[in-house]
Amino acid sequence: MVFMTKQDFENLLREQVQAMVEAKTAVAPSDISIKGETIKPLMVNGVKYLTRTDTSRLLGKSFPALYRWNKSGKLTNIKLGQNVYYRYDDIVNLLEGSSQPTKEKGGEV
């Protein structure tokens, strides 16, 4: 689990957006359409993250189930302030049958 203060997260996002604007490569993350719902992922450093609510809906699991999966290592979350996020790639791998979460490099988002 990775912990980051809200201010650190906002600073990181601000730096990333500024870098994209300067490089003129700003690209909005593509929406994800699942089960007739459109989900807007959070994109940080080219990695998509889904909220706990979106992850729960997508996998059809309760928050306590997601917590247990995090504790067992089946699914890894990150915590940004009070918010919990899951890597989109990990969720896709889980849905496809692979239960190995992606390891965070350097322990940061």
PDB file of N, CA and C in Angstrom:
ATOM      1  N   MET A   1       0.842  -1.159   0.000  1.00  0.00           N
ATOM      2  CA  MET A   1       0.000   0.000   0.000  1.00  0.00           C
ATOM      3  C   MET A   1       0.899   1.238   0.000  1.00  0.00           C
ATOM      4  N   VAL A   2       0.526   2.219  -0.780  1.00  0.00           N
ATOM      5  CA  VAL A   2       1.287   3.447  -0.895  1.00  0.00           C
ATOM      6  C   VAL A   2       0.472   4.573  -0.261  1.00  0.00           C
ATOM      7  N   PHE A   3       1.091   5.351   0.602  1.00  0.00           N
ATOM      8  CA  PHE A   3       0.418   6.478   1.239  1.00  0.00           C
ATOM      9  C   PHE A   3       0.967   7.769   0.661  1.00  0.00           C
ATOM     10  N   MET A   4       0.068   8.702   0.387  1.00  0.00           N
ATOM     11  CA  MET A   4       0.460   9.988  -0.157  1.00  0.00           C
ATOM     12  C   MET A   4      -0.534  11.016   0.380  1.00  0.00           C
ATOM     13  N   THR A   5      -0.030  12.140   0.811  1.00  0.00           N
ATOM     14  CA  THR A   5      -0.934  13.170   1.303  1.00  0.00           C
ATOM     15  C   THR A   5      -1.678  13.792   0.127  1.00  0.00           C
ATOM     16  N   LYS A   6      -2.799  14.402   0.424  1.00  0.00           N
ATOM     17  CA  LYS A   6      -3.579  15.060  -0.616  1.00  0.00           C
ATOM     18  C   LYS A   6      -2.748  16.141  -1.297  1.00  0.00           C
ATOM     19  N   GLN A   7      -1.998  16.893  -0.506  1.00  0.00           N
ATOM     20  CA  GLN A   7      -1.171  17.967  -1.068  1.00  0.00           C
ATOM     21  C   GLN A   7      -0.089  17.405  -1.996  1.00  0.00           C
ATOM     22  N   ASP A   8       0.557  16.299  -1.584  1.00  0.00           N
ATOM     23  CA  ASP A   8       1.570  15.669  -2.438  1.00  0.00           C
ATOM     24  C   ASP A   8       0.956  15.196  -3.752  1.00  0.00           C
ATOM     25  N   PHE A   9      -0.240  14.618  -3.662  1.00  0.00           N
ATOM     26  CA  PHE A   9      -0.926  14.124  -4.854  1.00  0.00           C
ATOM     27  C   PHE A   9      -1.282  15.282  -5.781  1.00  0.00           C
ATOM     28  N   GLU A  10      -1.817  16.363  -5.206  1.00  0.00           N
ATOM     29  CA  GLU A  10      -2.162  17.526  -6.019  1.00  0.00           C
ATOM     30  C   GLU A  10      -0.920  18.110  -6.691  1.00  0.00           C
ATOM     31  N   ASN A  11       0.183  18.162  -5.957  1.00  0.00           N
ATOM     32  CA  ASN A  11       1.436  18.659  -6.537  1.00  0.00           C
ATOM     33  C   ASN A  11       1.909  17.771  -7.681  1.00  0.00           C
ATOM     34  N   LEU A  12       1.826  16.454  -7.487  1.00  0.00           N
ATOM     35  CA  LEU A  12       2.224  15.511  -8.523  1.00  0.00           C
ATOM     36  C   LEU A  12       1.379  15.703  -9.773  1.00  0.00           C
ATOM     37  N   LEU A  13       0.060  15.811  -9.586  1.00  0.00           N
ATOM     38  CA  LEU A  13      -0.823  16.016 -10.734  1.00  0.00           C
ATOM     39  C   LEU A  13      -0.517  17.337 -11.434  1.00  0.00           C
ATOM     40  N   ARG A  14      -0.313  18.383 -10.660  1.00  0.00           N
ATOM     41  CA  ARG A  14      -0.013  19.695 -11.235  1.00  0.00           C
ATOM     42  C   ARG A  14       1.275  19.627 -12.067  1.00  0.00           C
ATOM     43  N   GLU A  15       2.301  18.966 -11.541  1.00  0.00           N
ATOM     44  CA  GLU A  15       3.565  18.836 -12.265  1.00  0.00           C
ATOM     45  C   GLU A  15       3.380  18.050 -13.561  1.00  0.00           C
ATOM     46  N   GLN A  16       2.604  16.966 -13.499  1.00  0.00           N
ATOM     47  CA  GLN A  16       2.377  16.139 -14.685  1.00  0.00           C
ATOM     48  C   GLN A  16       1.611  16.905 -15.754  1.00  0.00           C
ATOM     49  N   VAL A  17       0.570  17.619 -15.348  1.00  0.00           N
ATOM     50  CA  VAL A  17      -0.212  18.391 -16.307  1.00  0.00           C
ATOM     51  C   VAL A  17       0.652  19.480 -16.927  1.00  0.00           C
ATOM     52  N   GLN A  18       1.437  20.163 -16.101  1.00  0.00           N
ATOM     53  CA  GLN A  18       2.323  21.210 -16.618  1.00  0.00           C
ATOM     54  C   GLN A  18       3.314  20.637 -17.621  1.00  0.00           C
ATOM     55  N   ALA A  19       3.881  19.491 -17.315  1.00  0.00           N
ATOM     56  CA  ALA A  19       4.839  18.861 -18.226  1.00  0.00           C
ATOM     57  C   ALA A  19       4.165  18.484 -19.551  1.00  0.00           C
ATOM     58  N   MET A  20       2.931  17.977 -19.497  1.00  0.00           N
ATOM     59  CA  MET A  20       2.223  17.617 -20.723  1.00  0.00           C
ATOM     60  C   MET A  20       1.878  18.849 -21.547  1.00  0.00           C
ATOM     61  N   VAL A  21       1.461  19.919 -20.865  1.00  0.00           N
ATOM     62  CA  VAL A  21       1.133  21.157 -21.579  1.00  0.00           C
ATOM     63  C   VAL A  21       2.378  21.700 -22.266  1.00  0.00           C
ATOM     64  N   GLU A  22       3.487  21.708 -21.544  1.00  0.00           N
ATOM     65  CA  GLU A  22       4.732  22.199 -22.135  1.00  0.00           C
ATOM     66  C   GLU A  22       5.173  21.341 -23.310  1.00  0.00           C
ATOM     67  N   ALA A  23       4.971  20.051 -23.215  1.00  0.00           N
ATOM     68  CA  ALA A  23       5.351  19.144 -24.299  1.00  0.00           C
ATOM     69  C   ALA A  23       4.252  19.043 -25.358  1.00  0.00           C
ATOM     70  N   LYS A  24       3.104  19.676 -25.093  1.00  0.00           N
ATOM     71  CA  LYS A  24       1.939  19.648 -25.999  1.00  0.00           C
ATOM     72  C   LYS A  24       1.504  18.227 -26.289  1.00  0.00           C
ATOM     73  N   THR A  25       1.554  17.392 -25.256  1.00  0.00           N
ATOM     74  CA  THR A  25       1.134  16.007 -25.409  1.00  0.00           C
ATOM     75  C   THR A  25       0.011  15.665 -24.447  1.00  0.00           C
ATOM     76  N   ALA A  26      -0.722  16.669 -24.004  1.00  0.00           N
ATOM     77  CA  ALA A  26      -1.793  16.417 -23.042  1.00  0.00           C
ATOM     78  C   ALA A  26      -2.860  15.542 -23.680  1.00  0.00           C
ATOM     79  N   VAL A  27      -3.099  14.407 -23.085  1.00  0.00           N
ATOM     80  CA  VAL A  27      -4.103  13.474 -23.571  1.00  0.00           C
ATOM     81  C   VAL A  27      -4.981  13.083 -22.401  1.00  0.00           C
ATOM     82  N   ALA A  28      -6.264  13.260 -22.577  1.00  0.00           N
ATOM     83  CA  ALA A  28      -7.191  12.861 -21.516  1.00  0.00           C
ATOM     84  C   ALA A  28      -7.246  11.344 -21.482  1.00  0.00           C
ATOM     85  N   PRO A  29      -7.350  10.765 -20.287  1.00  0.00           N
ATOM     86  CA  PRO A  29      -7.446   9.312 -20.221  1.00  0.00           C
ATOM     87  C   PRO A  29      -8.730   8.852 -20.892  1.00  0.00           C
ATOM     88  N   SER A  30      -8.634   7.761 -21.608  1.00  0.00           N
ATOM     89  CA  SER A  30      -9.818   7.255 -22.280  1.00  0.00           C
ATOM     90  C   SER A  30     -10.778   6.694 -21.237  1.00  0.00           C
ATOM     91  N   ASP A  31     -12.054   6.954 -21.468  1.00  0.00           N
ATOM     92  CA  ASP A  31     -13.068   6.424 -20.571  1.00  0.00           C
ATOM     93  C   ASP A  31     -13.146   4.917 -20.751  1.00  0.00           C
ATOM     94  N   ILE A  32     -13.572   4.247 -19.712  1.00  0.00           N
ATOM     95  CA  ILE A  32     -13.717   2.807 -19.739  1.00  0.00           C
ATOM     96  C   ILE A  32     -15.204   2.511 -19.667  1.00  0.00           C
ATOM     97  N   SER A  33     -15.705   1.770 -20.611  1.00  0.00           N
ATOM     98  CA  SER A  33     -17.123   1.428 -20.622  1.00  0.00           C
ATOM     99  C   SER A  33     -17.270  -0.030 -20.204  1.00  0.00           C
ATOM    100  N   ILE A  34     -17.917  -0.233 -19.050  1.00  0.00           N
ATOM    101  CA  ILE A  34     -18.063  -1.574 -18.511  1.00  0.00           C
ATOM    102  C   ILE A  34     -19.492  -1.762 -18.013  1.00  0.00           C
ATOM    103  N   LYS A  35     -20.097  -2.852 -18.435  1.00  0.00           N
ATOM    104  CA  LYS A  35     -21.451  -3.189 -18.012  1.00  0.00           C
ATOM    105  C   LYS A  35     -22.419  -2.024 -18.223  1.00  0.00           C
ATOM    106  N   GLY A  36     -22.264  -1.346 -19.363  1.00  0.00           N
ATOM    107  CA  GLY A  36     -23.154  -0.250 -19.700  1.00  0.00           C
ATOM    108  C   GLY A  36     -22.879   1.050 -18.957  1.00  0.00           C
ATOM    109  N   GLU A  37     -21.837   1.082 -18.148  1.00  0.00           N
ATOM    110  CA  GLU A  37     -21.478   2.286 -17.404  1.00  0.00           C
ATOM    111  C   GLU A  37     -20.150   2.827 -17.929  1.00  0.00           C
ATOM    112  N   THR A  38     -20.038   4.139 -17.929  1.00  0.00           N
ATOM    113  CA  THR A  38     -18.788   4.772 -18.326  1.00  0.00           C
ATOM    114  C   THR A  38     -18.031   5.186 -17.077  1.00  0.00           C
ATOM    115  N   ILE A  39     -16.800   4.724 -16.983  1.00  0.00           N
ATOM    116  CA  ILE A  39     -15.948   5.022 -15.833  1.00  0.00           C
ATOM    117  C   ILE A  39     -14.795   5.888 -16.312  1.00  0.00           C
ATOM    118  N   LYS A  40     -14.541   6.964 -15.600  1.00  0.00           N
ATOM    119  CA  LYS A  40     -13.417   7.837 -15.917  1.00  0.00           C
ATOM    120  C   LYS A  40     -12.278   7.501 -14.952  1.00  0.00           C
ATOM    121  N   PRO A  41     -11.227   6.844 -15.461  1.00  0.00           N
ATOM    122  CA  PRO A  41     -10.121   6.486 -14.575  1.00  0.00           C
ATOM    123  C   PRO A  41      -9.256   7.696 -14.225  1.00  0.00           C
ATOM    124  N   LEU A  42      -8.585   7.587 -13.125  1.00  0.00           N
ATOM    125  CA  LEU A  42      -7.572   8.570 -12.737  1.00  0.00           C
ATOM    126  C   LEU A  42      -6.284   8.146 -13.424  1.00  0.00           C
ATOM    127  N   MET A  43      -5.612   9.068 -14.097  1.00  0.00           N
ATOM    128  CA  MET A  43      -4.386   8.721 -14.806  1.00  0.00           C
ATOM    129  C   MET A  43      -3.220   9.450 -14.150  1.00  0.00           C
ATOM    130  N   VAL A  44      -2.233   8.687 -13.663  1.00  0.00           N
ATOM    131  CA  VAL A  44      -1.035   9.251 -13.046  1.00  0.00           C
ATOM    132  C   VAL A  44       0.174   8.550 -13.658  1.00  0.00           C
ATOM    133  N   ASN A  45       1.071   9.341 -14.232  1.00  0.00           N
ATOM    134  CA  ASN A  45       2.285   8.802 -14.862  1.00  0.00           C
ATOM    135  C   ASN A  45       1.972   7.709 -15.870  1.00  0.00           C
ATOM    136  N   GLY A  46       0.892   7.875 -16.625  1.00  0.00           N
ATOM    137  CA  GLY A  46       0.534   6.911 -17.652  1.00  0.00           C
ATOM    138  C   GLY A  46      -0.123   5.650 -17.133  1.00  0.00           C
ATOM    139  N   VAL A  47      -0.440   5.597 -15.852  1.00  0.00           N
ATOM    140  CA  VAL A  47      -1.077   4.426 -15.252  1.00  0.00           C
ATOM    141  C   VAL A  47      -2.504   4.798 -14.867  1.00  0.00           C
ATOM    142  N   LYS A  48      -3.463   3.947 -15.250  1.00  0.00           N
ATOM    143  CA  LYS A  48      -4.865   4.194 -14.923  1.00  0.00           C
ATOM    144  C   LYS A  48      -5.192   3.592 -13.565  1.00  0.00           C
ATOM    145  N   TYR A  49      -5.953   4.351 -12.777  1.00  0.00           N
ATOM    146  CA  TYR A  49      -6.416   3.894 -11.470  1.00  0.00           C
ATOM    147  C   TYR A  49      -7.921   4.058 -11.388  1.00  0.00           C
ATOM    148  N   LEU A  50      -8.579   3.102 -10.754  1.00  0.00           N
ATOM    149  CA  LEU A  50     -10.019   3.180 -10.526  1.00  0.00           C
ATOM    150  C   LEU A  50     -10.292   3.348  -9.040  1.00  0.00           C
ATOM    151  N   THR A  51     -11.370   4.049  -8.729  1.00  0.00           N
ATOM    152  CA  THR A  51     -11.764   4.219  -7.336  1.00  0.00           C
ATOM    153  C   THR A  51     -12.215   2.886  -6.758  1.00  0.00           C
ATOM    154  N   ARG A  52     -12.303   2.840  -5.454  1.00  0.00           N
ATOM    155  CA  ARG A  52     -12.778   1.628  -4.783  1.00  0.00           C
ATOM    156  C   ARG A  52     -14.215   1.319  -5.217  1.00  0.00           C
ATOM    157  N   THR A  53     -15.035   2.372  -5.365  1.00  0.00           N
ATOM    158  CA  THR A  53     -16.430   2.175  -5.782  1.00  0.00           C
ATOM    159  C   THR A  53     -16.502   1.578  -7.175  1.00  0.00           C
ATOM    160  N   ASP A  54     -15.739   2.133  -8.126  1.00  0.00           N
ATOM    161  CA  ASP A  54     -15.737   1.606  -9.489  1.00  0.00           C
ATOM    162  C   ASP A  54     -15.191   0.184  -9.530  1.00  0.00           C
ATOM    163  N   THR A  55     -14.154  -0.072  -8.761  1.00  0.00           N
ATOM    164  CA  THR A  55     -13.572  -1.418  -8.701  1.00  0.00           C
ATOM    165  C   THR A  55     -14.579  -2.412  -8.147  1.00  0.00           C
ATOM    166  N   SER A  56     -15.281  -2.005  -7.102  1.00  0.00           N
ATOM    167  CA  SER A  56     -16.295  -2.861  -6.492  1.00  0.00           C
ATOM    168  C   SER A  56     -17.391  -3.206  -7.497  1.00  0.00           C
ATOM    169  N   ARG A  57     -17.875  -2.190  -8.214  1.00  0.00           N
ATOM    170  CA  ARG A  57     -18.920  -2.410  -9.217  1.00  0.00           C
ATOM    171  C   ARG A  57     -18.427  -3.306 -10.343  1.00  0.00           C
ATOM    172  N   LEU A  58     -17.219  -3.051 -10.802  1.00  0.00           N
ATOM    173  CA  LEU A  58     -16.653  -3.806 -11.920  1.00  0.00           C
ATOM    174  C   LEU A  58     -16.481  -5.288 -11.576  1.00  0.00           C
ATOM    175  N   LEU A  59     -15.958  -5.544 -10.384  1.00  0.00           N
ATOM    176  CA  LEU A  59     -15.701  -6.932  -9.982  1.00  0.00           C
ATOM    177  C   LEU A  59     -16.915  -7.594  -9.332  1.00  0.00           C
ATOM    178  N   GLY A  60     -17.934  -6.801  -8.986  1.00  0.00           N
ATOM    179  CA  GLY A  60     -19.109  -7.353  -8.321  1.00  0.00           C
ATOM    180  C   GLY A  60     -18.795  -7.804  -6.906  1.00  0.00           C
ATOM    181  N   LYS A  61     -17.882  -7.097  -6.248  1.00  0.00           N
ATOM    182  CA  LYS A  61     -17.454  -7.448  -4.891  1.00  0.00           C
ATOM    183  C   LYS A  61     -17.698  -6.278  -3.949  1.00  0.00           C
ATOM    184  N   SER A  62     -17.869  -6.593  -2.678  1.00  0.00           N
ATOM    185  CA  SER A  62     -18.092  -5.574  -1.660  1.00  0.00           C
ATOM    186  C   SER A  62     -16.767  -4.940  -1.246  1.00  0.00           C
ATOM    187  N   PHE A  63     -16.850  -3.808  -0.541  1.00  0.00           N
ATOM    188  CA  PHE A  63     -15.642  -3.167  -0.022  1.00  0.00           C
ATOM    189  C   PHE A  63     -14.875  -4.103   0.917  1.00  0.00           C
ATOM    190  N   PRO A  64     -15.574  -4.824   1.817  1.00  0.00           N
ATOM    191  CA  PRO A  64     -14.827  -5.765   2.675  1.00  0.00           C
ATOM    192  C   PRO A  64     -14.101  -6.850   1.868  1.00  0.00           C
ATOM    193  N   ALA A  65     -14.702  -7.293   0.766  1.00  0.00           N
ATOM    194  CA  ALA A  65     -14.034  -8.299  -0.077  1.00  0.00           C
ATOM    195  C   ALA A  65     -12.773  -7.710  -0.704  1.00  0.00           C
ATOM    196  N   LEU A  66     -12.865  -6.467  -1.174  1.00  0.00           N
ATOM    197  CA  LEU A  66     -11.678  -5.814  -1.741  1.00  0.00           C
ATOM    198  C   LEU A  66     -10.602  -5.655  -0.676  1.00  0.00           C
ATOM    199  N   TYR A  67     -11.006  -5.323   0.540  1.00  0.00           N
ATOM    200  CA  TYR A  67     -10.057  -5.199   1.658  1.00  0.00           C
ATOM    201  C   TYR A  67      -9.357  -6.536   1.902  1.00  0.00           C
ATOM    202  N   ARG A  68     -10.134  -7.628   1.926  1.00  0.00           N
ATOM    203  CA  ARG A  68      -9.541  -8.954   2.145  1.00  0.00           C
ATOM    204  C   ARG A  68      -8.593  -9.318   1.014  1.00  0.00           C
ATOM    205  N   TRP A  69      -8.964  -8.991  -0.211  1.00  0.00           N
ATOM    206  CA  TRP A  69      -8.091  -9.273  -1.352  1.00  0.00           C
ATOM    207  C   TRP A  69      -6.806  -8.477  -1.251  1.00  0.00           C
ATOM    208  N   ASN A  70      -6.891  -7.250  -0.769  1.00  0.00           N
ATOM    209  CA  ASN A  70      -5.691  -6.443  -0.586  1.00  0.00           C
ATOM    210  C   ASN A  70      -4.797  -7.061   0.485  1.00  0.00           C
ATOM    211  N   LYS A  71      -5.402  -7.483   1.589  1.00  0.00           N
ATOM    212  CA  LYS A  71      -4.633  -8.104   2.678  1.00  0.00           C
ATOM    213  C   LYS A  71      -3.961  -9.394   2.226  1.00  0.00           C
ATOM    214  N   SER A  72      -4.645 -10.167   1.371  1.00  0.00           N
ATOM    215  CA  SER A  72      -4.093 -11.449   0.922  1.00  0.00           C
ATOM    216  C   SER A  72      -3.117 -11.284  -0.244  1.00  0.00           C
ATOM    217  N   GLY A  73      -3.069 -10.075  -0.846  1.00  0.00           N
ATOM    218  CA  GLY A  73      -2.166  -9.840  -1.965  1.00  0.00           C
ATOM    219  C   GLY A  73      -2.771 -10.132  -3.321  1.00  0.00           C
ATOM    220  N   LYS A  74      -4.047 -10.503  -3.349  1.00  0.00           N
ATOM    221  CA  LYS A  74      -4.706 -10.813  -4.618  1.00  0.00           C
ATOM    222  C   LYS A  74      -4.916  -9.554  -5.455  1.00  0.00           C
ATOM    223  N   LEU A  75      -5.118  -8.421  -4.791  1.00  0.00           N
ATOM    224  CA  LEU A  75      -5.320  -7.136  -5.452  1.00  0.00           C
ATOM    225  C   LEU A  75      -4.662  -6.077  -4.588  1.00  0.00           C
ATOM    226  N   THR A  76      -3.879  -5.198  -5.189  1.00  0.00           N
ATOM    227  CA  THR A  76      -3.148  -4.192  -4.427  1.00  0.00           C
ATOM    228  C   THR A  76      -3.803  -2.828  -4.601  1.00  0.00           C
ATOM    229  N   ASN A  77      -3.969  -2.119  -3.486  1.00  0.00           N
ATOM    230  CA  ASN A  77      -4.524  -0.772  -3.586  1.00  0.00           C
ATOM    231  C   ASN A  77      -3.470   0.259  -3.234  1.00  0.00           C
ATOM    232  N   ILE A  78      -3.790   1.500  -3.576  1.00  0.00           N
ATOM    233  CA  ILE A  78      -2.975   2.620  -3.131  1.00  0.00           C
ATOM    234  C   ILE A  78      -3.918   3.589  -2.447  1.00  0.00           C
ATOM    235  N   LYS A  79      -3.407   4.318  -1.494  1.00  0.00           N
ATOM    236  CA  LYS A  79      -4.225   5.254  -0.754  1.00  0.00           C
ATOM    237  C   LYS A  79      -3.679   6.649  -0.983  1.00  0.00           C
ATOM    238  N   LEU A  80      -4.541   7.538  -1.462  1.00  0.00           N
ATOM    239  CA  LEU A  80      -4.191   8.922  -1.697  1.00  0.00           C
ATOM    240  C   LEU A  80      -5.077   9.765  -0.795  1.00  0.00           C
ATOM    241  N   GLY A  81      -4.515  10.232   0.304  1.00  0.00           N
ATOM    242  CA  GLY A  81      -5.322  10.931   1.303  1.00  0.00           C
ATOM    243  C   GLY A  81      -6.310   9.944   1.895  1.00  0.00           C
ATOM    244  N   GLN A  82      -7.592  10.254   1.809  1.00  0.00           N
ATOM    245  CA  GLN A  82      -8.638   9.365   2.314  1.00  0.00           C
ATOM    246  C   GLN A  82      -9.168   8.409   1.240  1.00  0.00           C
ATOM    247  N   ASN A  83      -8.710   8.565   0.010  1.00  0.00           N
ATOM    248  CA  ASN A  83      -9.246   7.796  -1.110  1.00  0.00           C
ATOM    249  C   ASN A  83      -8.404   6.559  -1.400  1.00  0.00           C
ATOM    250  N   VAL A  84      -9.090   5.487  -1.791  1.00  0.00           N
ATOM    251  CA  VAL A  84      -8.441   4.228  -2.126  1.00  0.00           C
ATOM    252  C   VAL A  84      -8.613   3.991  -3.622  1.00  0.00           C
ATOM    253  N   TYR A  85      -7.523   3.641  -4.289  1.00  0.00           N
ATOM    254  CA  TYR A  85      -7.538   3.381  -5.723  1.00  0.00           C
ATOM    255  C   TYR A  85      -6.894   2.036  -6.013  1.00  0.00           C
ATOM    256  N   TYR A  86      -7.321   1.437  -7.146  1.00  0.00           N
ATOM    257  CA  TYR A  86      -6.759   0.178  -7.612  1.00  0.00           C
ATOM    258  C   TYR A  86      -6.284   0.369  -9.047  1.00  0.00           C
ATOM    259  N   ARG A  87      -5.144  -0.251  -9.372  1.00  0.00           N
ATOM    260  CA  ARG A  87      -4.618  -0.154 -10.735  1.00  0.00           C
ATOM    261  C   ARG A  87      -5.556  -0.878 -11.688  1.00  0.00           C
ATOM    262  N   TYR A  88      -5.888  -0.214 -12.766  1.00  0.00           N
ATOM    263  CA  TYR A  88      -6.784  -0.783 -13.765  1.00  0.00           C
ATOM    264  C   TYR A  88      -6.202  -2.076 -14.351  1.00  0.00           C
ATOM    265  N   ASP A  89      -4.899  -2.083 -14.624  1.00  0.00           N
ATOM    266  CA  ASP A  89      -4.257  -3.280 -15.183  1.00  0.00           C
ATOM    267  C   ASP A  89      -4.380  -4.476 -14.246  1.00  0.00           C
ATOM    268  N   ASP A  90      -4.292  -4.240 -12.925  1.00  0.00           N
ATOM    269  CA  ASP A  90      -4.447  -5.323 -11.957  1.00  0.00           C
ATOM    270  C   ASP A  90      -5.862  -5.887 -12.003  1.00  0.00           C
ATOM    271  N   ILE A  91      -6.839  -5.009 -12.163  1.00  0.00           N
ATOM    272  CA  ILE A  91      -8.240  -5.442 -12.223  1.00  0.00           C
ATOM    273  C   ILE A  91      -8.471  -6.272 -13.474  1.00  0.00           C
ATOM    274  N   VAL A  92      -7.934  -5.811 -14.598  1.00  0.00           N
ATOM    275  CA  VAL A  92      -8.067  -6.561 -15.851  1.00  0.00           C
ATOM    276  C   VAL A  92      -7.404  -7.928 -15.718  1.00  0.00           C
ATOM    277  N   ASN A  93      -6.194  -7.967 -15.144  1.00  0.00           N
ATOM    278  CA  ASN A  93      -5.508  -9.247 -14.938  1.00  0.00           C
ATOM    279  C   ASN A  93      -6.335 -10.182 -14.068  1.00  0.00           C
ATOM    280  N   LEU A  94      -6.957  -9.631 -13.046  1.00  0.00           N
ATOM    281  CA  LEU A  94      -7.790 -10.439 -12.147  1.00  0.00           C
ATOM    282  C   LEU A  94      -8.991 -11.004 -12.902  1.00  0.00           C
ATOM    283  N   LEU A  95      -9.612 -10.177 -13.735  1.00  0.00           N
ATOM    284  CA  LEU A  95     -10.760 -10.626 -14.517  1.00  0.00           C
ATOM    285  C   LEU A  95     -10.373 -11.679 -15.548  1.00  0.00           C
ATOM    286  N   GLU A  96      -9.128 -11.598 -16.048  1.00  0.00           N
ATOM    287  CA  GLU A  96      -8.652 -12.561 -17.047  1.00  0.00           C
ATOM    288  C   GLU A  96      -8.093 -13.831 -16.426  1.00  0.00           C
ATOM    289  N   GLY A  97      -8.062 -13.878 -15.098  1.00  0.00           N
ATOM    290  CA  GLY A  97      -7.627 -15.099 -14.440  1.00  0.00           C
ATOM    291  C   GLY A  97      -6.269 -15.028 -13.784  1.00  0.00           C
ATOM    292  N   SER A  98      -5.496 -13.977 -14.019  1.00  0.00           N
ATOM    293  CA  SER A  98      -4.210 -13.826 -13.355  1.00  0.00           C
ATOM    294  C   SER A  98      -4.425 -13.094 -12.052  1.00  0.00           C
ATOM    295  N   SER A  99      -3.893 -13.623 -10.958  1.00  0.00           N
ATOM    296  CA  SER A  99      -4.135 -12.998  -9.654  1.00  0.00           C
ATOM    297  C   SER A  99      -2.895 -12.295  -9.108  1.00  0.00           C
ATOM    298  N   GLN A 100      -1.928 -11.989  -9.967  1.00  0.00           N
ATOM    299  CA  GLN A 100      -0.718 -11.320  -9.512  1.00  0.00           C
ATOM    300  C   GLN A 100      -0.834  -9.822  -9.733  1.00  0.00           C
ATOM    301  N   PRO A 101      -0.882  -9.028  -8.662  1.00  0.00           N
ATOM    302  CA  PRO A 101      -0.940  -7.575  -8.828  1.00  0.00           C
ATOM    303  C   PRO A 101       0.390  -7.026  -9.329  1.00  0.00           C
ATOM    304  N   THR A 102       0.318  -5.898 -10.011  1.00  0.00           N
ATOM    305  CA  THR A 102       1.521  -5.218 -10.496  1.00  0.00           C
ATOM    306  C   THR A 102       2.255  -4.614  -9.307  1.00  0.00           C
ATOM    307  N   LYS A 103       3.539  -4.796  -9.260  1.00  0.00           N
ATOM    308  CA  LYS A 103       4.325  -4.222  -8.167  1.00  0.00           C
ATOM    309  C   LYS A 103       4.611  -2.762  -8.468  1.00  0.00           C
ATOM    310  N   GLU A 104       4.399  -1.918  -7.464  1.00  0.00           N
ATOM    311  CA  GLU A 104       4.705  -0.496  -7.589  1.00  0.00           C
ATOM    312  C   GLU A 104       6.209  -0.325  -7.563  1.00  0.00           C
ATOM    313  N   LYS A 105       6.740   0.468  -8.476  1.00  0.00           N
ATOM    314  CA  LYS A 105       8.176   0.738  -8.499  1.00  0.00           C
ATOM    315  C   LYS A 105       8.476   1.888  -7.566  1.00  0.00           C
ATOM    316  N   GLY A 106       9.360   1.671  -6.624  1.00  0.00           N
ATOM    317  CA  GLY A 106       9.763   2.718  -5.716  1.00  0.00           C
ATOM    318  C   GLY A 106       8.726   3.059  -4.658  1.00  0.00           C
ATOM    319  N   GLY A 107       7.615   2.331  -4.624  1.00  0.00           N
ATOM    320  CA  GLY A 107       6.601   2.556  -3.601  1.00  0.00           C
ATOM    321  C   GLY A 107       5.807   3.834  -3.791  1.00  0.00           C
ATOM    322  N   GLU A 108       5.897   4.443  -4.959  1.00  0.00           N
ATOM    323  CA  GLU A 108       5.170   5.687  -5.210  1.00  0.00           C
ATOM    324  C   GLU A 108       4.295   5.512  -6.425  1.00  0.00           C
ATOM    325  N   VAL A 109       3.292   6.367  -6.523  1.00  0.00           N
ATOM    326  CA  VAL A 109       2.391   6.354  -7.668  1.00  0.00           C
ATOM    327  C   VAL A 109       3.095   6.953  -8.847  1.00  0.00           C
TER     328      VAL A 109
END
